[in-house]
Amino acid sequence: MREQFFATLKQLVALAEDFPTREFDEAAPEEVTKNRLLRSLFRALGYAEQQVVPEYRIIGDEVDYLLRTSRPLLFVEAKSLIDTAPNLFDAHREQVLRYIRNYRVSPQQAEMERPVAWILLTNFAQFHFIRVNEDAPSFSFRLDELLARRDELWELLAPENLEAGRIDELYDQQQKAPLDQRFLADLKRWRLLLANGFAFRNQSRPLADLTLASQQLLDRFLFCRMLETYRLVEHNKLARAFVHYEALYGEAEQEKSFAEVLKETLFAEIKRDFNTELFVQPHCDQSSQAGCVTRR
């Protein structure tokens, strides 16, 4: 299958480099790109027809394809081969990130035992792989380098490789050192955002109390995410709680703080089920009741 993919890829690259433009006059350019190039690519990779699910719905939107085997593997958003954008991701960033945001809080993700972790944006002339918890591509290819990087493309897209998590292994190898530094920087930034949110509504409280409260709330968030990662609570339950909070309280004149709502719902559930003292912290709870954590 691998060698067959390489042979087909060579043919498809040649077709894309000298594509008969008259075909775009007879049908929508995006559909021509899908039918003549992308569907052929999927077949060469080893996907059966029923494993390429078209127009997969994500909270009111439709991504062009969901690639799957026995489980969902990868979203694909297709654009036209004759899209003239120098960088396809920059041109369609808003749409792709909207898909990602909607998917992360969608009921479909909560129902998946192993949620989809990647979306591919492509018009065949460009390939951009974006992780669903990030806002920029981790891997990108252009038409003139597809053949030279054919092994890497196979590693990223073949169904057996996606099934085995090869794309995540390559991501970890690429990102390991920077990720450690970025995570520490993110922790500091999140702690500052929480402290500023508490300070806005708790202006008479000592700085030490607000700092402690922000660290306690951050610890709770991290613990919730850990439980989600190990599927001990529903995946992305914390993010969905925030979406519901904005829908209920976002326009209210006397809004409840998000932290206070969490204390009454998700935090109470985790405290009950896991018997942890992490959710019995007076500084955090008092600051949450007095005001609101900074919103987006």
Protein backbone atom coordinates (compact mmCIF):
# COMPACT_ATOMS: atom_id res chain seq x y z
CA MET A 1 0.00 0.00 0.00
CA ARG A 2 2.83 2.40 0.82
CA GLU A 3 4.49 1.99 -2.60
CA GLN A 4 1.13 2.29 -4.31
CA PHE A 5 0.55 5.55 -2.45
CA PHE A 6 3.93 6.89 -3.60
CA ALA A 7 3.13 6.04 -7.22
CA THR A 8 -0.32 7.64 -7.05
CA LEU A 9 1.04 10.71 -5.29
CA LYS A 10 3.50 11.23 -8.13
CA GLN A 11 0.64 11.11 -10.65
CA LEU A 12 -1.50 13.48 -8.59
CA VAL A 13 1.33 15.99 -8.19
CA ALA A 14 1.88 15.96 -11.96
CA LEU A 15 -1.87 16.50 -12.49
CA ALA A 16 -1.99 19.38 -9.99
CA GLU A 17 1.03 21.07 -11.56
CA ASP A 18 -0.59 21.07 -15.01
CA PHE A 19 -4.28 20.88 -14.18
CA PRO A 20 -6.65 21.46 -17.14
CA THR A 21 -8.20 24.78 -16.13
CA ARG A 22 -11.24 24.21 -18.36
CA GLU A 23 -12.52 21.72 -15.77
CA PHE A 24 -12.96 24.58 -13.32
CA ASP A 25 -15.28 26.29 -15.79
CA GLU A 26 -17.66 23.34 -15.76
CA ALA A 27 -18.05 22.83 -11.99
CA ALA A 28 -17.35 24.49 -8.65
CA PRO A 29 -13.53 24.66 -8.25
CA GLU A 30 -13.64 23.19 -4.75
CA GLU A 31 -15.67 20.18 -5.93
CA VAL A 32 -13.26 19.60 -8.82
CA THR A 33 -10.35 19.63 -6.37
CA LYS A 34 -12.12 17.17 -4.09
CA ASN A 35 -13.13 14.74 -6.83
CA ARG A 36 -10.00 14.78 -8.98
CA LEU A 37 -7.30 15.12 -6.33
CA LEU A 38 -8.35 14.67 -2.72
CA ARG A 39 -10.63 11.65 -3.07
CA SER A 40 -7.93 9.96 -5.18
CA LEU A 41 -5.40 10.76 -2.46
CA PHE A 42 -7.61 9.22 0.23
CA ARG A 43 -8.05 6.04 -1.82
CA ALA A 44 -4.30 5.77 -2.39
CA LEU A 45 -3.74 6.10 1.37
CA GLY A 46 -6.03 3.10 1.94
CA TYR A 47 -9.34 4.66 2.98
CA ALA A 48 -12.44 2.78 1.84
CA GLU A 49 -15.34 4.83 0.49
CA GLN A 50 -17.34 4.50 3.71
CA GLN A 51 -14.36 5.69 5.75
CA VAL A 52 -14.45 9.12 4.09
CA VAL A 53 -17.50 10.78 5.65
CA PRO A 54 -18.54 13.96 3.77
CA GLU A 55 -20.00 17.12 5.31
CA TYR A 56 -19.57 16.16 8.96
CA ARG A 57 -21.67 18.51 11.11
CA ILE A 58 -20.11 20.42 14.01
CA ILE A 59 -22.65 22.64 15.85
CA GLY A 60 -24.23 24.30 12.83
CA ASP A 61 -21.12 24.05 10.63
CA GLU A 62 -20.01 21.34 8.22
CA VAL A 63 -16.39 20.30 7.78
CA ASP A 64 -15.83 18.75 4.34
CA TYR A 65 -14.67 15.30 5.50
CA LEU A 66 -14.18 13.13 8.54
CA LEU A 67 -11.66 10.36 7.92
CA ARG A 68 -12.33 7.34 10.10
CA THR A 69 -11.67 3.63 10.55
CA SER A 70 -13.29 1.93 13.52
CA ARG A 71 -13.08 5.35 15.19
CA PRO A 72 -12.93 8.98 14.02
CA LEU A 73 -9.39 9.99 13.02
CA LEU A 74 -9.07 13.33 11.23
CA PHE A 75 -11.13 16.25 9.94
CA VAL A 76 -10.36 17.57 6.45
CA GLU A 77 -11.39 21.02 5.22
CA ALA A 78 -10.95 21.26 1.45
CA LYS A 79 -10.36 24.35 -0.66
CA SER A 80 -9.91 24.90 -4.38
CA LEU A 81 -6.63 24.09 -6.11
CA ILE A 82 -6.80 27.51 -7.76
CA ASP A 83 -7.13 29.33 -4.42
CA THR A 84 -4.45 32.00 -4.86
CA ALA A 85 -3.71 32.60 -1.17
CA PRO A 86 0.06 32.54 -0.52
CA ASN A 87 -0.73 30.81 2.77
CA LEU A 88 -3.95 28.81 2.78
CA PHE A 89 -4.17 28.73 6.57
CA ASP A 90 -3.81 32.49 6.95
CA ALA A 91 -6.56 32.98 4.36
CA HIS A 92 -8.99 30.58 6.07
CA ARG A 93 -7.83 30.86 9.68
CA GLU A 94 -11.14 32.19 11.03
CA GLN A 95 -13.15 29.34 9.52
CA VAL A 96 -10.77 26.60 10.69
CA LEU A 97 -10.50 27.99 14.22
CA ARG A 98 -14.30 28.28 14.39
CA TYR A 99 -14.56 24.57 13.53
CA ILE A 100 -12.03 23.81 16.26
CA ARG A 101 -13.78 25.93 18.91
CA ASN A 102 -17.16 24.43 18.08
CA TYR A 103 -15.83 20.89 18.05
CA ARG A 104 -14.12 21.25 21.42
CA VAL A 105 -17.45 22.00 23.10
CA SER A 106 -19.66 19.82 20.88
CA PRO A 107 -21.72 16.88 22.13
CA GLN A 108 -20.06 14.72 19.44
CA GLN A 109 -16.67 15.09 21.06
CA ALA A 110 -17.99 14.09 24.48
CA GLU A 111 -19.47 10.95 22.94
CA MET A 112 -16.22 9.86 21.26
CA GLU A 113 -14.07 7.45 23.25
CA ARG A 114 -11.01 8.94 21.51
CA PRO A 115 -11.87 12.40 20.15
CA VAL A 116 -10.42 13.72 16.90
CA ALA A 117 -7.22 15.64 17.67
CA TRP A 118 -6.33 17.11 14.25
CA ILE A 119 -7.83 18.97 11.30
CA LEU A 120 -6.21 19.10 7.86
CA LEU A 121 -6.73 22.18 5.70
CA THR A 122 -5.77 21.47 2.09
CA ASN A 123 -6.31 22.37 -1.55
CA PHE A 124 -3.68 19.78 -2.57
CA ALA A 125 -1.26 22.59 -3.43
CA GLN A 126 -0.90 23.17 0.33
CA PHE A 127 -1.39 20.88 3.33
CA HIS A 128 -1.72 22.33 6.84
CA PHE A 129 -2.21 20.04 9.87
CA ILE A 130 -3.67 21.88 12.89
CA ARG A 131 -4.06 20.36 16.35
CA VAL A 132 -7.52 21.03 17.77
CA ASN A 133 -6.14 22.63 20.94
CA GLU A 134 -3.87 25.03 19.05
CA ASP A 135 -4.34 27.94 16.66
CA ALA A 136 -1.59 27.39 14.08
CA PRO A 137 -0.39 24.49 11.90
CA SER A 138 2.14 22.05 13.33
CA PHE A 139 2.98 20.50 9.94
CA SER A 140 2.74 22.16 6.52
CA PHE A 141 3.56 21.00 2.98
CA ARG A 142 3.55 22.71 -0.41
CA LEU A 143 3.03 21.08 -3.78
CA ASP A 144 6.67 21.35 -4.85
CA GLU A 145 7.84 19.42 -1.77
CA LEU A 146 5.23 16.66 -1.60
CA LEU A 147 7.35 14.08 -3.39
CA ALA A 148 10.48 14.84 -1.38
CA ARG A 149 8.47 14.57 1.84
CA ARG A 150 6.25 11.68 0.76
CA ASP A 151 7.33 9.47 3.69
CA GLU A 152 6.32 12.16 6.17
CA LEU A 153 2.97 12.66 4.44
CA TRP A 154 2.36 8.90 4.64
CA GLU A 155 3.23 8.90 8.34
CA LEU A 156 0.74 11.68 8.97
CA LEU A 157 -2.19 10.53 6.83
CA ALA A 158 -2.27 6.74 6.34
CA PRO A 159 -5.19 5.26 8.31
CA GLU A 160 -3.05 2.74 10.20
CA ASN A 161 -0.68 5.52 11.26
CA LEU A 162 -3.48 7.81 12.43
CA GLU A 163 -5.04 4.85 14.23
CA ALA A 164 -1.75 4.21 16.04
CA GLY A 165 -1.28 7.88 16.97
CA ARG A 166 1.80 8.40 14.79
CA ILE A 167 0.90 12.04 14.14
CA ASP A 168 0.97 12.72 17.88
CA GLU A 169 4.35 11.00 18.20
CA LEU A 170 5.79 13.22 15.46
CA TYR A 171 4.24 16.26 17.12
CA ASP A 172 5.78 15.35 20.48
CA GLN A 173 9.20 14.86 18.90
CA GLN A 174 8.95 18.24 17.21
CA GLN A 175 7.55 20.16 20.19
CA LYS A 176 9.03 18.52 23.30
CA ALA A 177 11.53 21.18 24.38
CA PRO A 178 9.42 24.22 23.43
CA LEU A 179 6.33 22.69 25.05
CA ASP A 180 7.93 22.57 28.50
CA GLN A 181 8.83 26.25 28.28
CA ARG A 182 5.46 27.23 26.81
CA PHE A 183 3.55 25.37 29.53
CA LEU A 184 5.42 27.18 32.30
CA ALA A 185 4.82 30.50 30.56
CA ASP A 186 1.13 29.65 30.16
CA LEU A 187 0.82 28.80 33.86
CA LYS A 188 2.20 32.21 34.79
CA ARG A 189 -0.12 33.97 32.33
CA TRP A 190 -3.20 32.05 33.51
CA ARG A 191 -2.38 32.76 37.15
CA LEU A 192 -2.07 36.48 36.37
CA LEU A 193 -5.38 36.54 34.48
CA LEU A 194 -7.17 34.87 37.38
CA ALA A 195 -5.56 37.20 39.93
CA ASN A 196 -6.58 40.25 37.88
CA GLY A 197 -10.13 38.95 37.65
CA PHE A 198 -10.33 38.43 41.40
CA ALA A 199 -8.73 41.84 42.10
CA PHE A 200 -11.26 43.65 39.89
CA ARG A 201 -14.14 42.61 42.16
CA ASN A 202 -12.21 42.23 45.42
CA GLN A 203 -10.34 45.53 45.61
CA SER A 204 -10.18 45.58 49.41
CA ARG A 205 -8.61 42.12 49.72
CA PRO A 206 -4.85 41.83 50.39
CA LEU A 207 -2.69 40.95 47.39
CA ALA A 208 -1.48 37.77 49.12
CA ASP A 209 -5.09 36.51 49.44
CA LEU A 210 -5.82 37.19 45.76
CA THR A 211 -2.61 35.47 44.66
CA LEU A 212 -3.45 32.42 46.77
CA ALA A 213 -7.03 32.35 45.47
CA SER A 214 -5.88 32.50 41.85
CA GLN A 215 -3.43 29.62 42.41
CA GLN A 216 -6.13 27.54 44.08
CA LEU A 217 -8.55 28.09 41.19
CA LEU A 218 -5.82 27.30 38.67
CA ASP A 219 -5.09 24.06 40.55
CA ARG A 220 -8.75 23.14 40.27
CA PHE A 221 -8.80 23.82 36.52
CA LEU A 222 -5.69 21.68 36.00
CA PHE A 223 -7.18 18.84 38.06
CA CYS A 224 -10.40 19.00 35.98
CA ARG A 225 -8.37 18.80 32.76
CA MET A 226 -6.44 15.83 34.11
CA LEU A 227 -9.70 14.02 34.88
CA GLU A 228 -10.91 14.77 31.34
CA THR A 229 -7.67 13.47 29.83
CA TYR A 230 -8.08 10.14 31.65
CA ARG A 231 -11.81 10.07 30.81
CA LEU A 232 -12.79 10.12 34.48
CA VAL A 233 -15.20 12.93 33.63
CA GLU A 234 -16.62 13.83 30.21
CA HIS A 235 -14.06 15.13 27.75
CA ASN A 236 -13.90 18.96 27.61
CA LYS A 237 -16.57 19.23 30.29
CA LEU A 238 -14.88 22.32 31.70
CA ALA A 239 -14.91 24.12 28.33
CA ARG A 240 -18.55 23.23 27.73
CA ALA A 241 -19.41 24.55 31.20
CA PHE A 242 -17.95 27.92 30.19
CA VAL A 243 -19.96 28.00 26.97
CA HIS A 244 -23.14 27.31 28.94
CA TYR A 245 -22.14 29.97 31.48
CA GLU A 246 -21.77 32.62 28.79
CA ALA A 247 -25.13 31.67 27.30
CA LEU A 248 -26.89 31.94 30.70
CA TYR A 249 -25.07 34.86 32.33
CA GLY A 250 -23.20 36.67 29.57
CA GLU A 251 -25.81 39.41 29.10
CA ALA A 252 -27.02 39.62 32.70
CA GLU A 253 -26.49 42.90 34.52
CA GLN A 254 -25.80 41.14 37.84
CA GLU A 255 -23.96 38.12 36.55
CA LYS A 256 -22.69 35.27 38.67
CA SER A 257 -18.98 34.57 38.45
CA PHE A 258 -17.94 31.56 36.40
CA ALA A 259 -15.97 30.24 39.39
CA GLU A 260 -19.09 30.45 41.58
CA VAL A 261 -21.15 28.55 39.01
CA LEU A 262 -18.42 25.92 38.78
CA LYS A 263 -18.37 25.59 42.57
CA GLU A 264 -22.09 24.75 42.54
CA THR A 265 -21.88 22.32 39.60
CA LEU A 266 -18.70 20.74 38.24
CA PHE A 267 -16.54 21.39 41.30
CA ALA A 268 -19.26 19.98 43.60
CA GLU A 269 -19.50 16.87 41.40
CA ILE A 270 -15.73 16.28 41.47
CA LYS A 271 -15.53 16.94 45.21
CA ARG A 272 -18.28 14.34 45.77
CA ASP A 273 -16.89 11.69 43.41
CA PHE A 274 -13.18 12.00 44.18
CA ASN A 275 -13.22 13.13 47.83
CA THR A 276 -10.49 15.72 47.30
CA GLU A 277 -9.79 18.70 49.57
CA LEU A 278 -8.73 20.69 46.52
CA PHE A 279 -12.30 21.97 46.34
CA VAL A 280 -12.48 23.10 49.97
CA GLN A 281 -10.41 26.30 49.90
CA PRO A 282 -11.86 29.42 51.58
CA HIS A 283 -9.66 31.95 49.78
CA CYS A 284 -10.72 30.79 46.34
CA ASP A 285 -14.41 30.38 47.19
CA GLN A 286 -14.72 33.75 48.96
CA SER A 287 -13.04 35.59 46.09
CA SER A 288 -15.21 33.77 43.55
CA GLN A 289 -18.42 34.74 45.32
CA ALA A 290 -17.40 38.38 45.50
CA GLY A 291 -16.71 38.73 41.82
CA CYS A 292 -16.10 37.36 38.41
CA VAL A 293 -13.13 35.64 36.86
CA THR A 294 -11.90 37.48 33.76
CA ARG A 295 -13.93 36.47 30.72
CA ARG A 296 -12.77 36.14 27.13
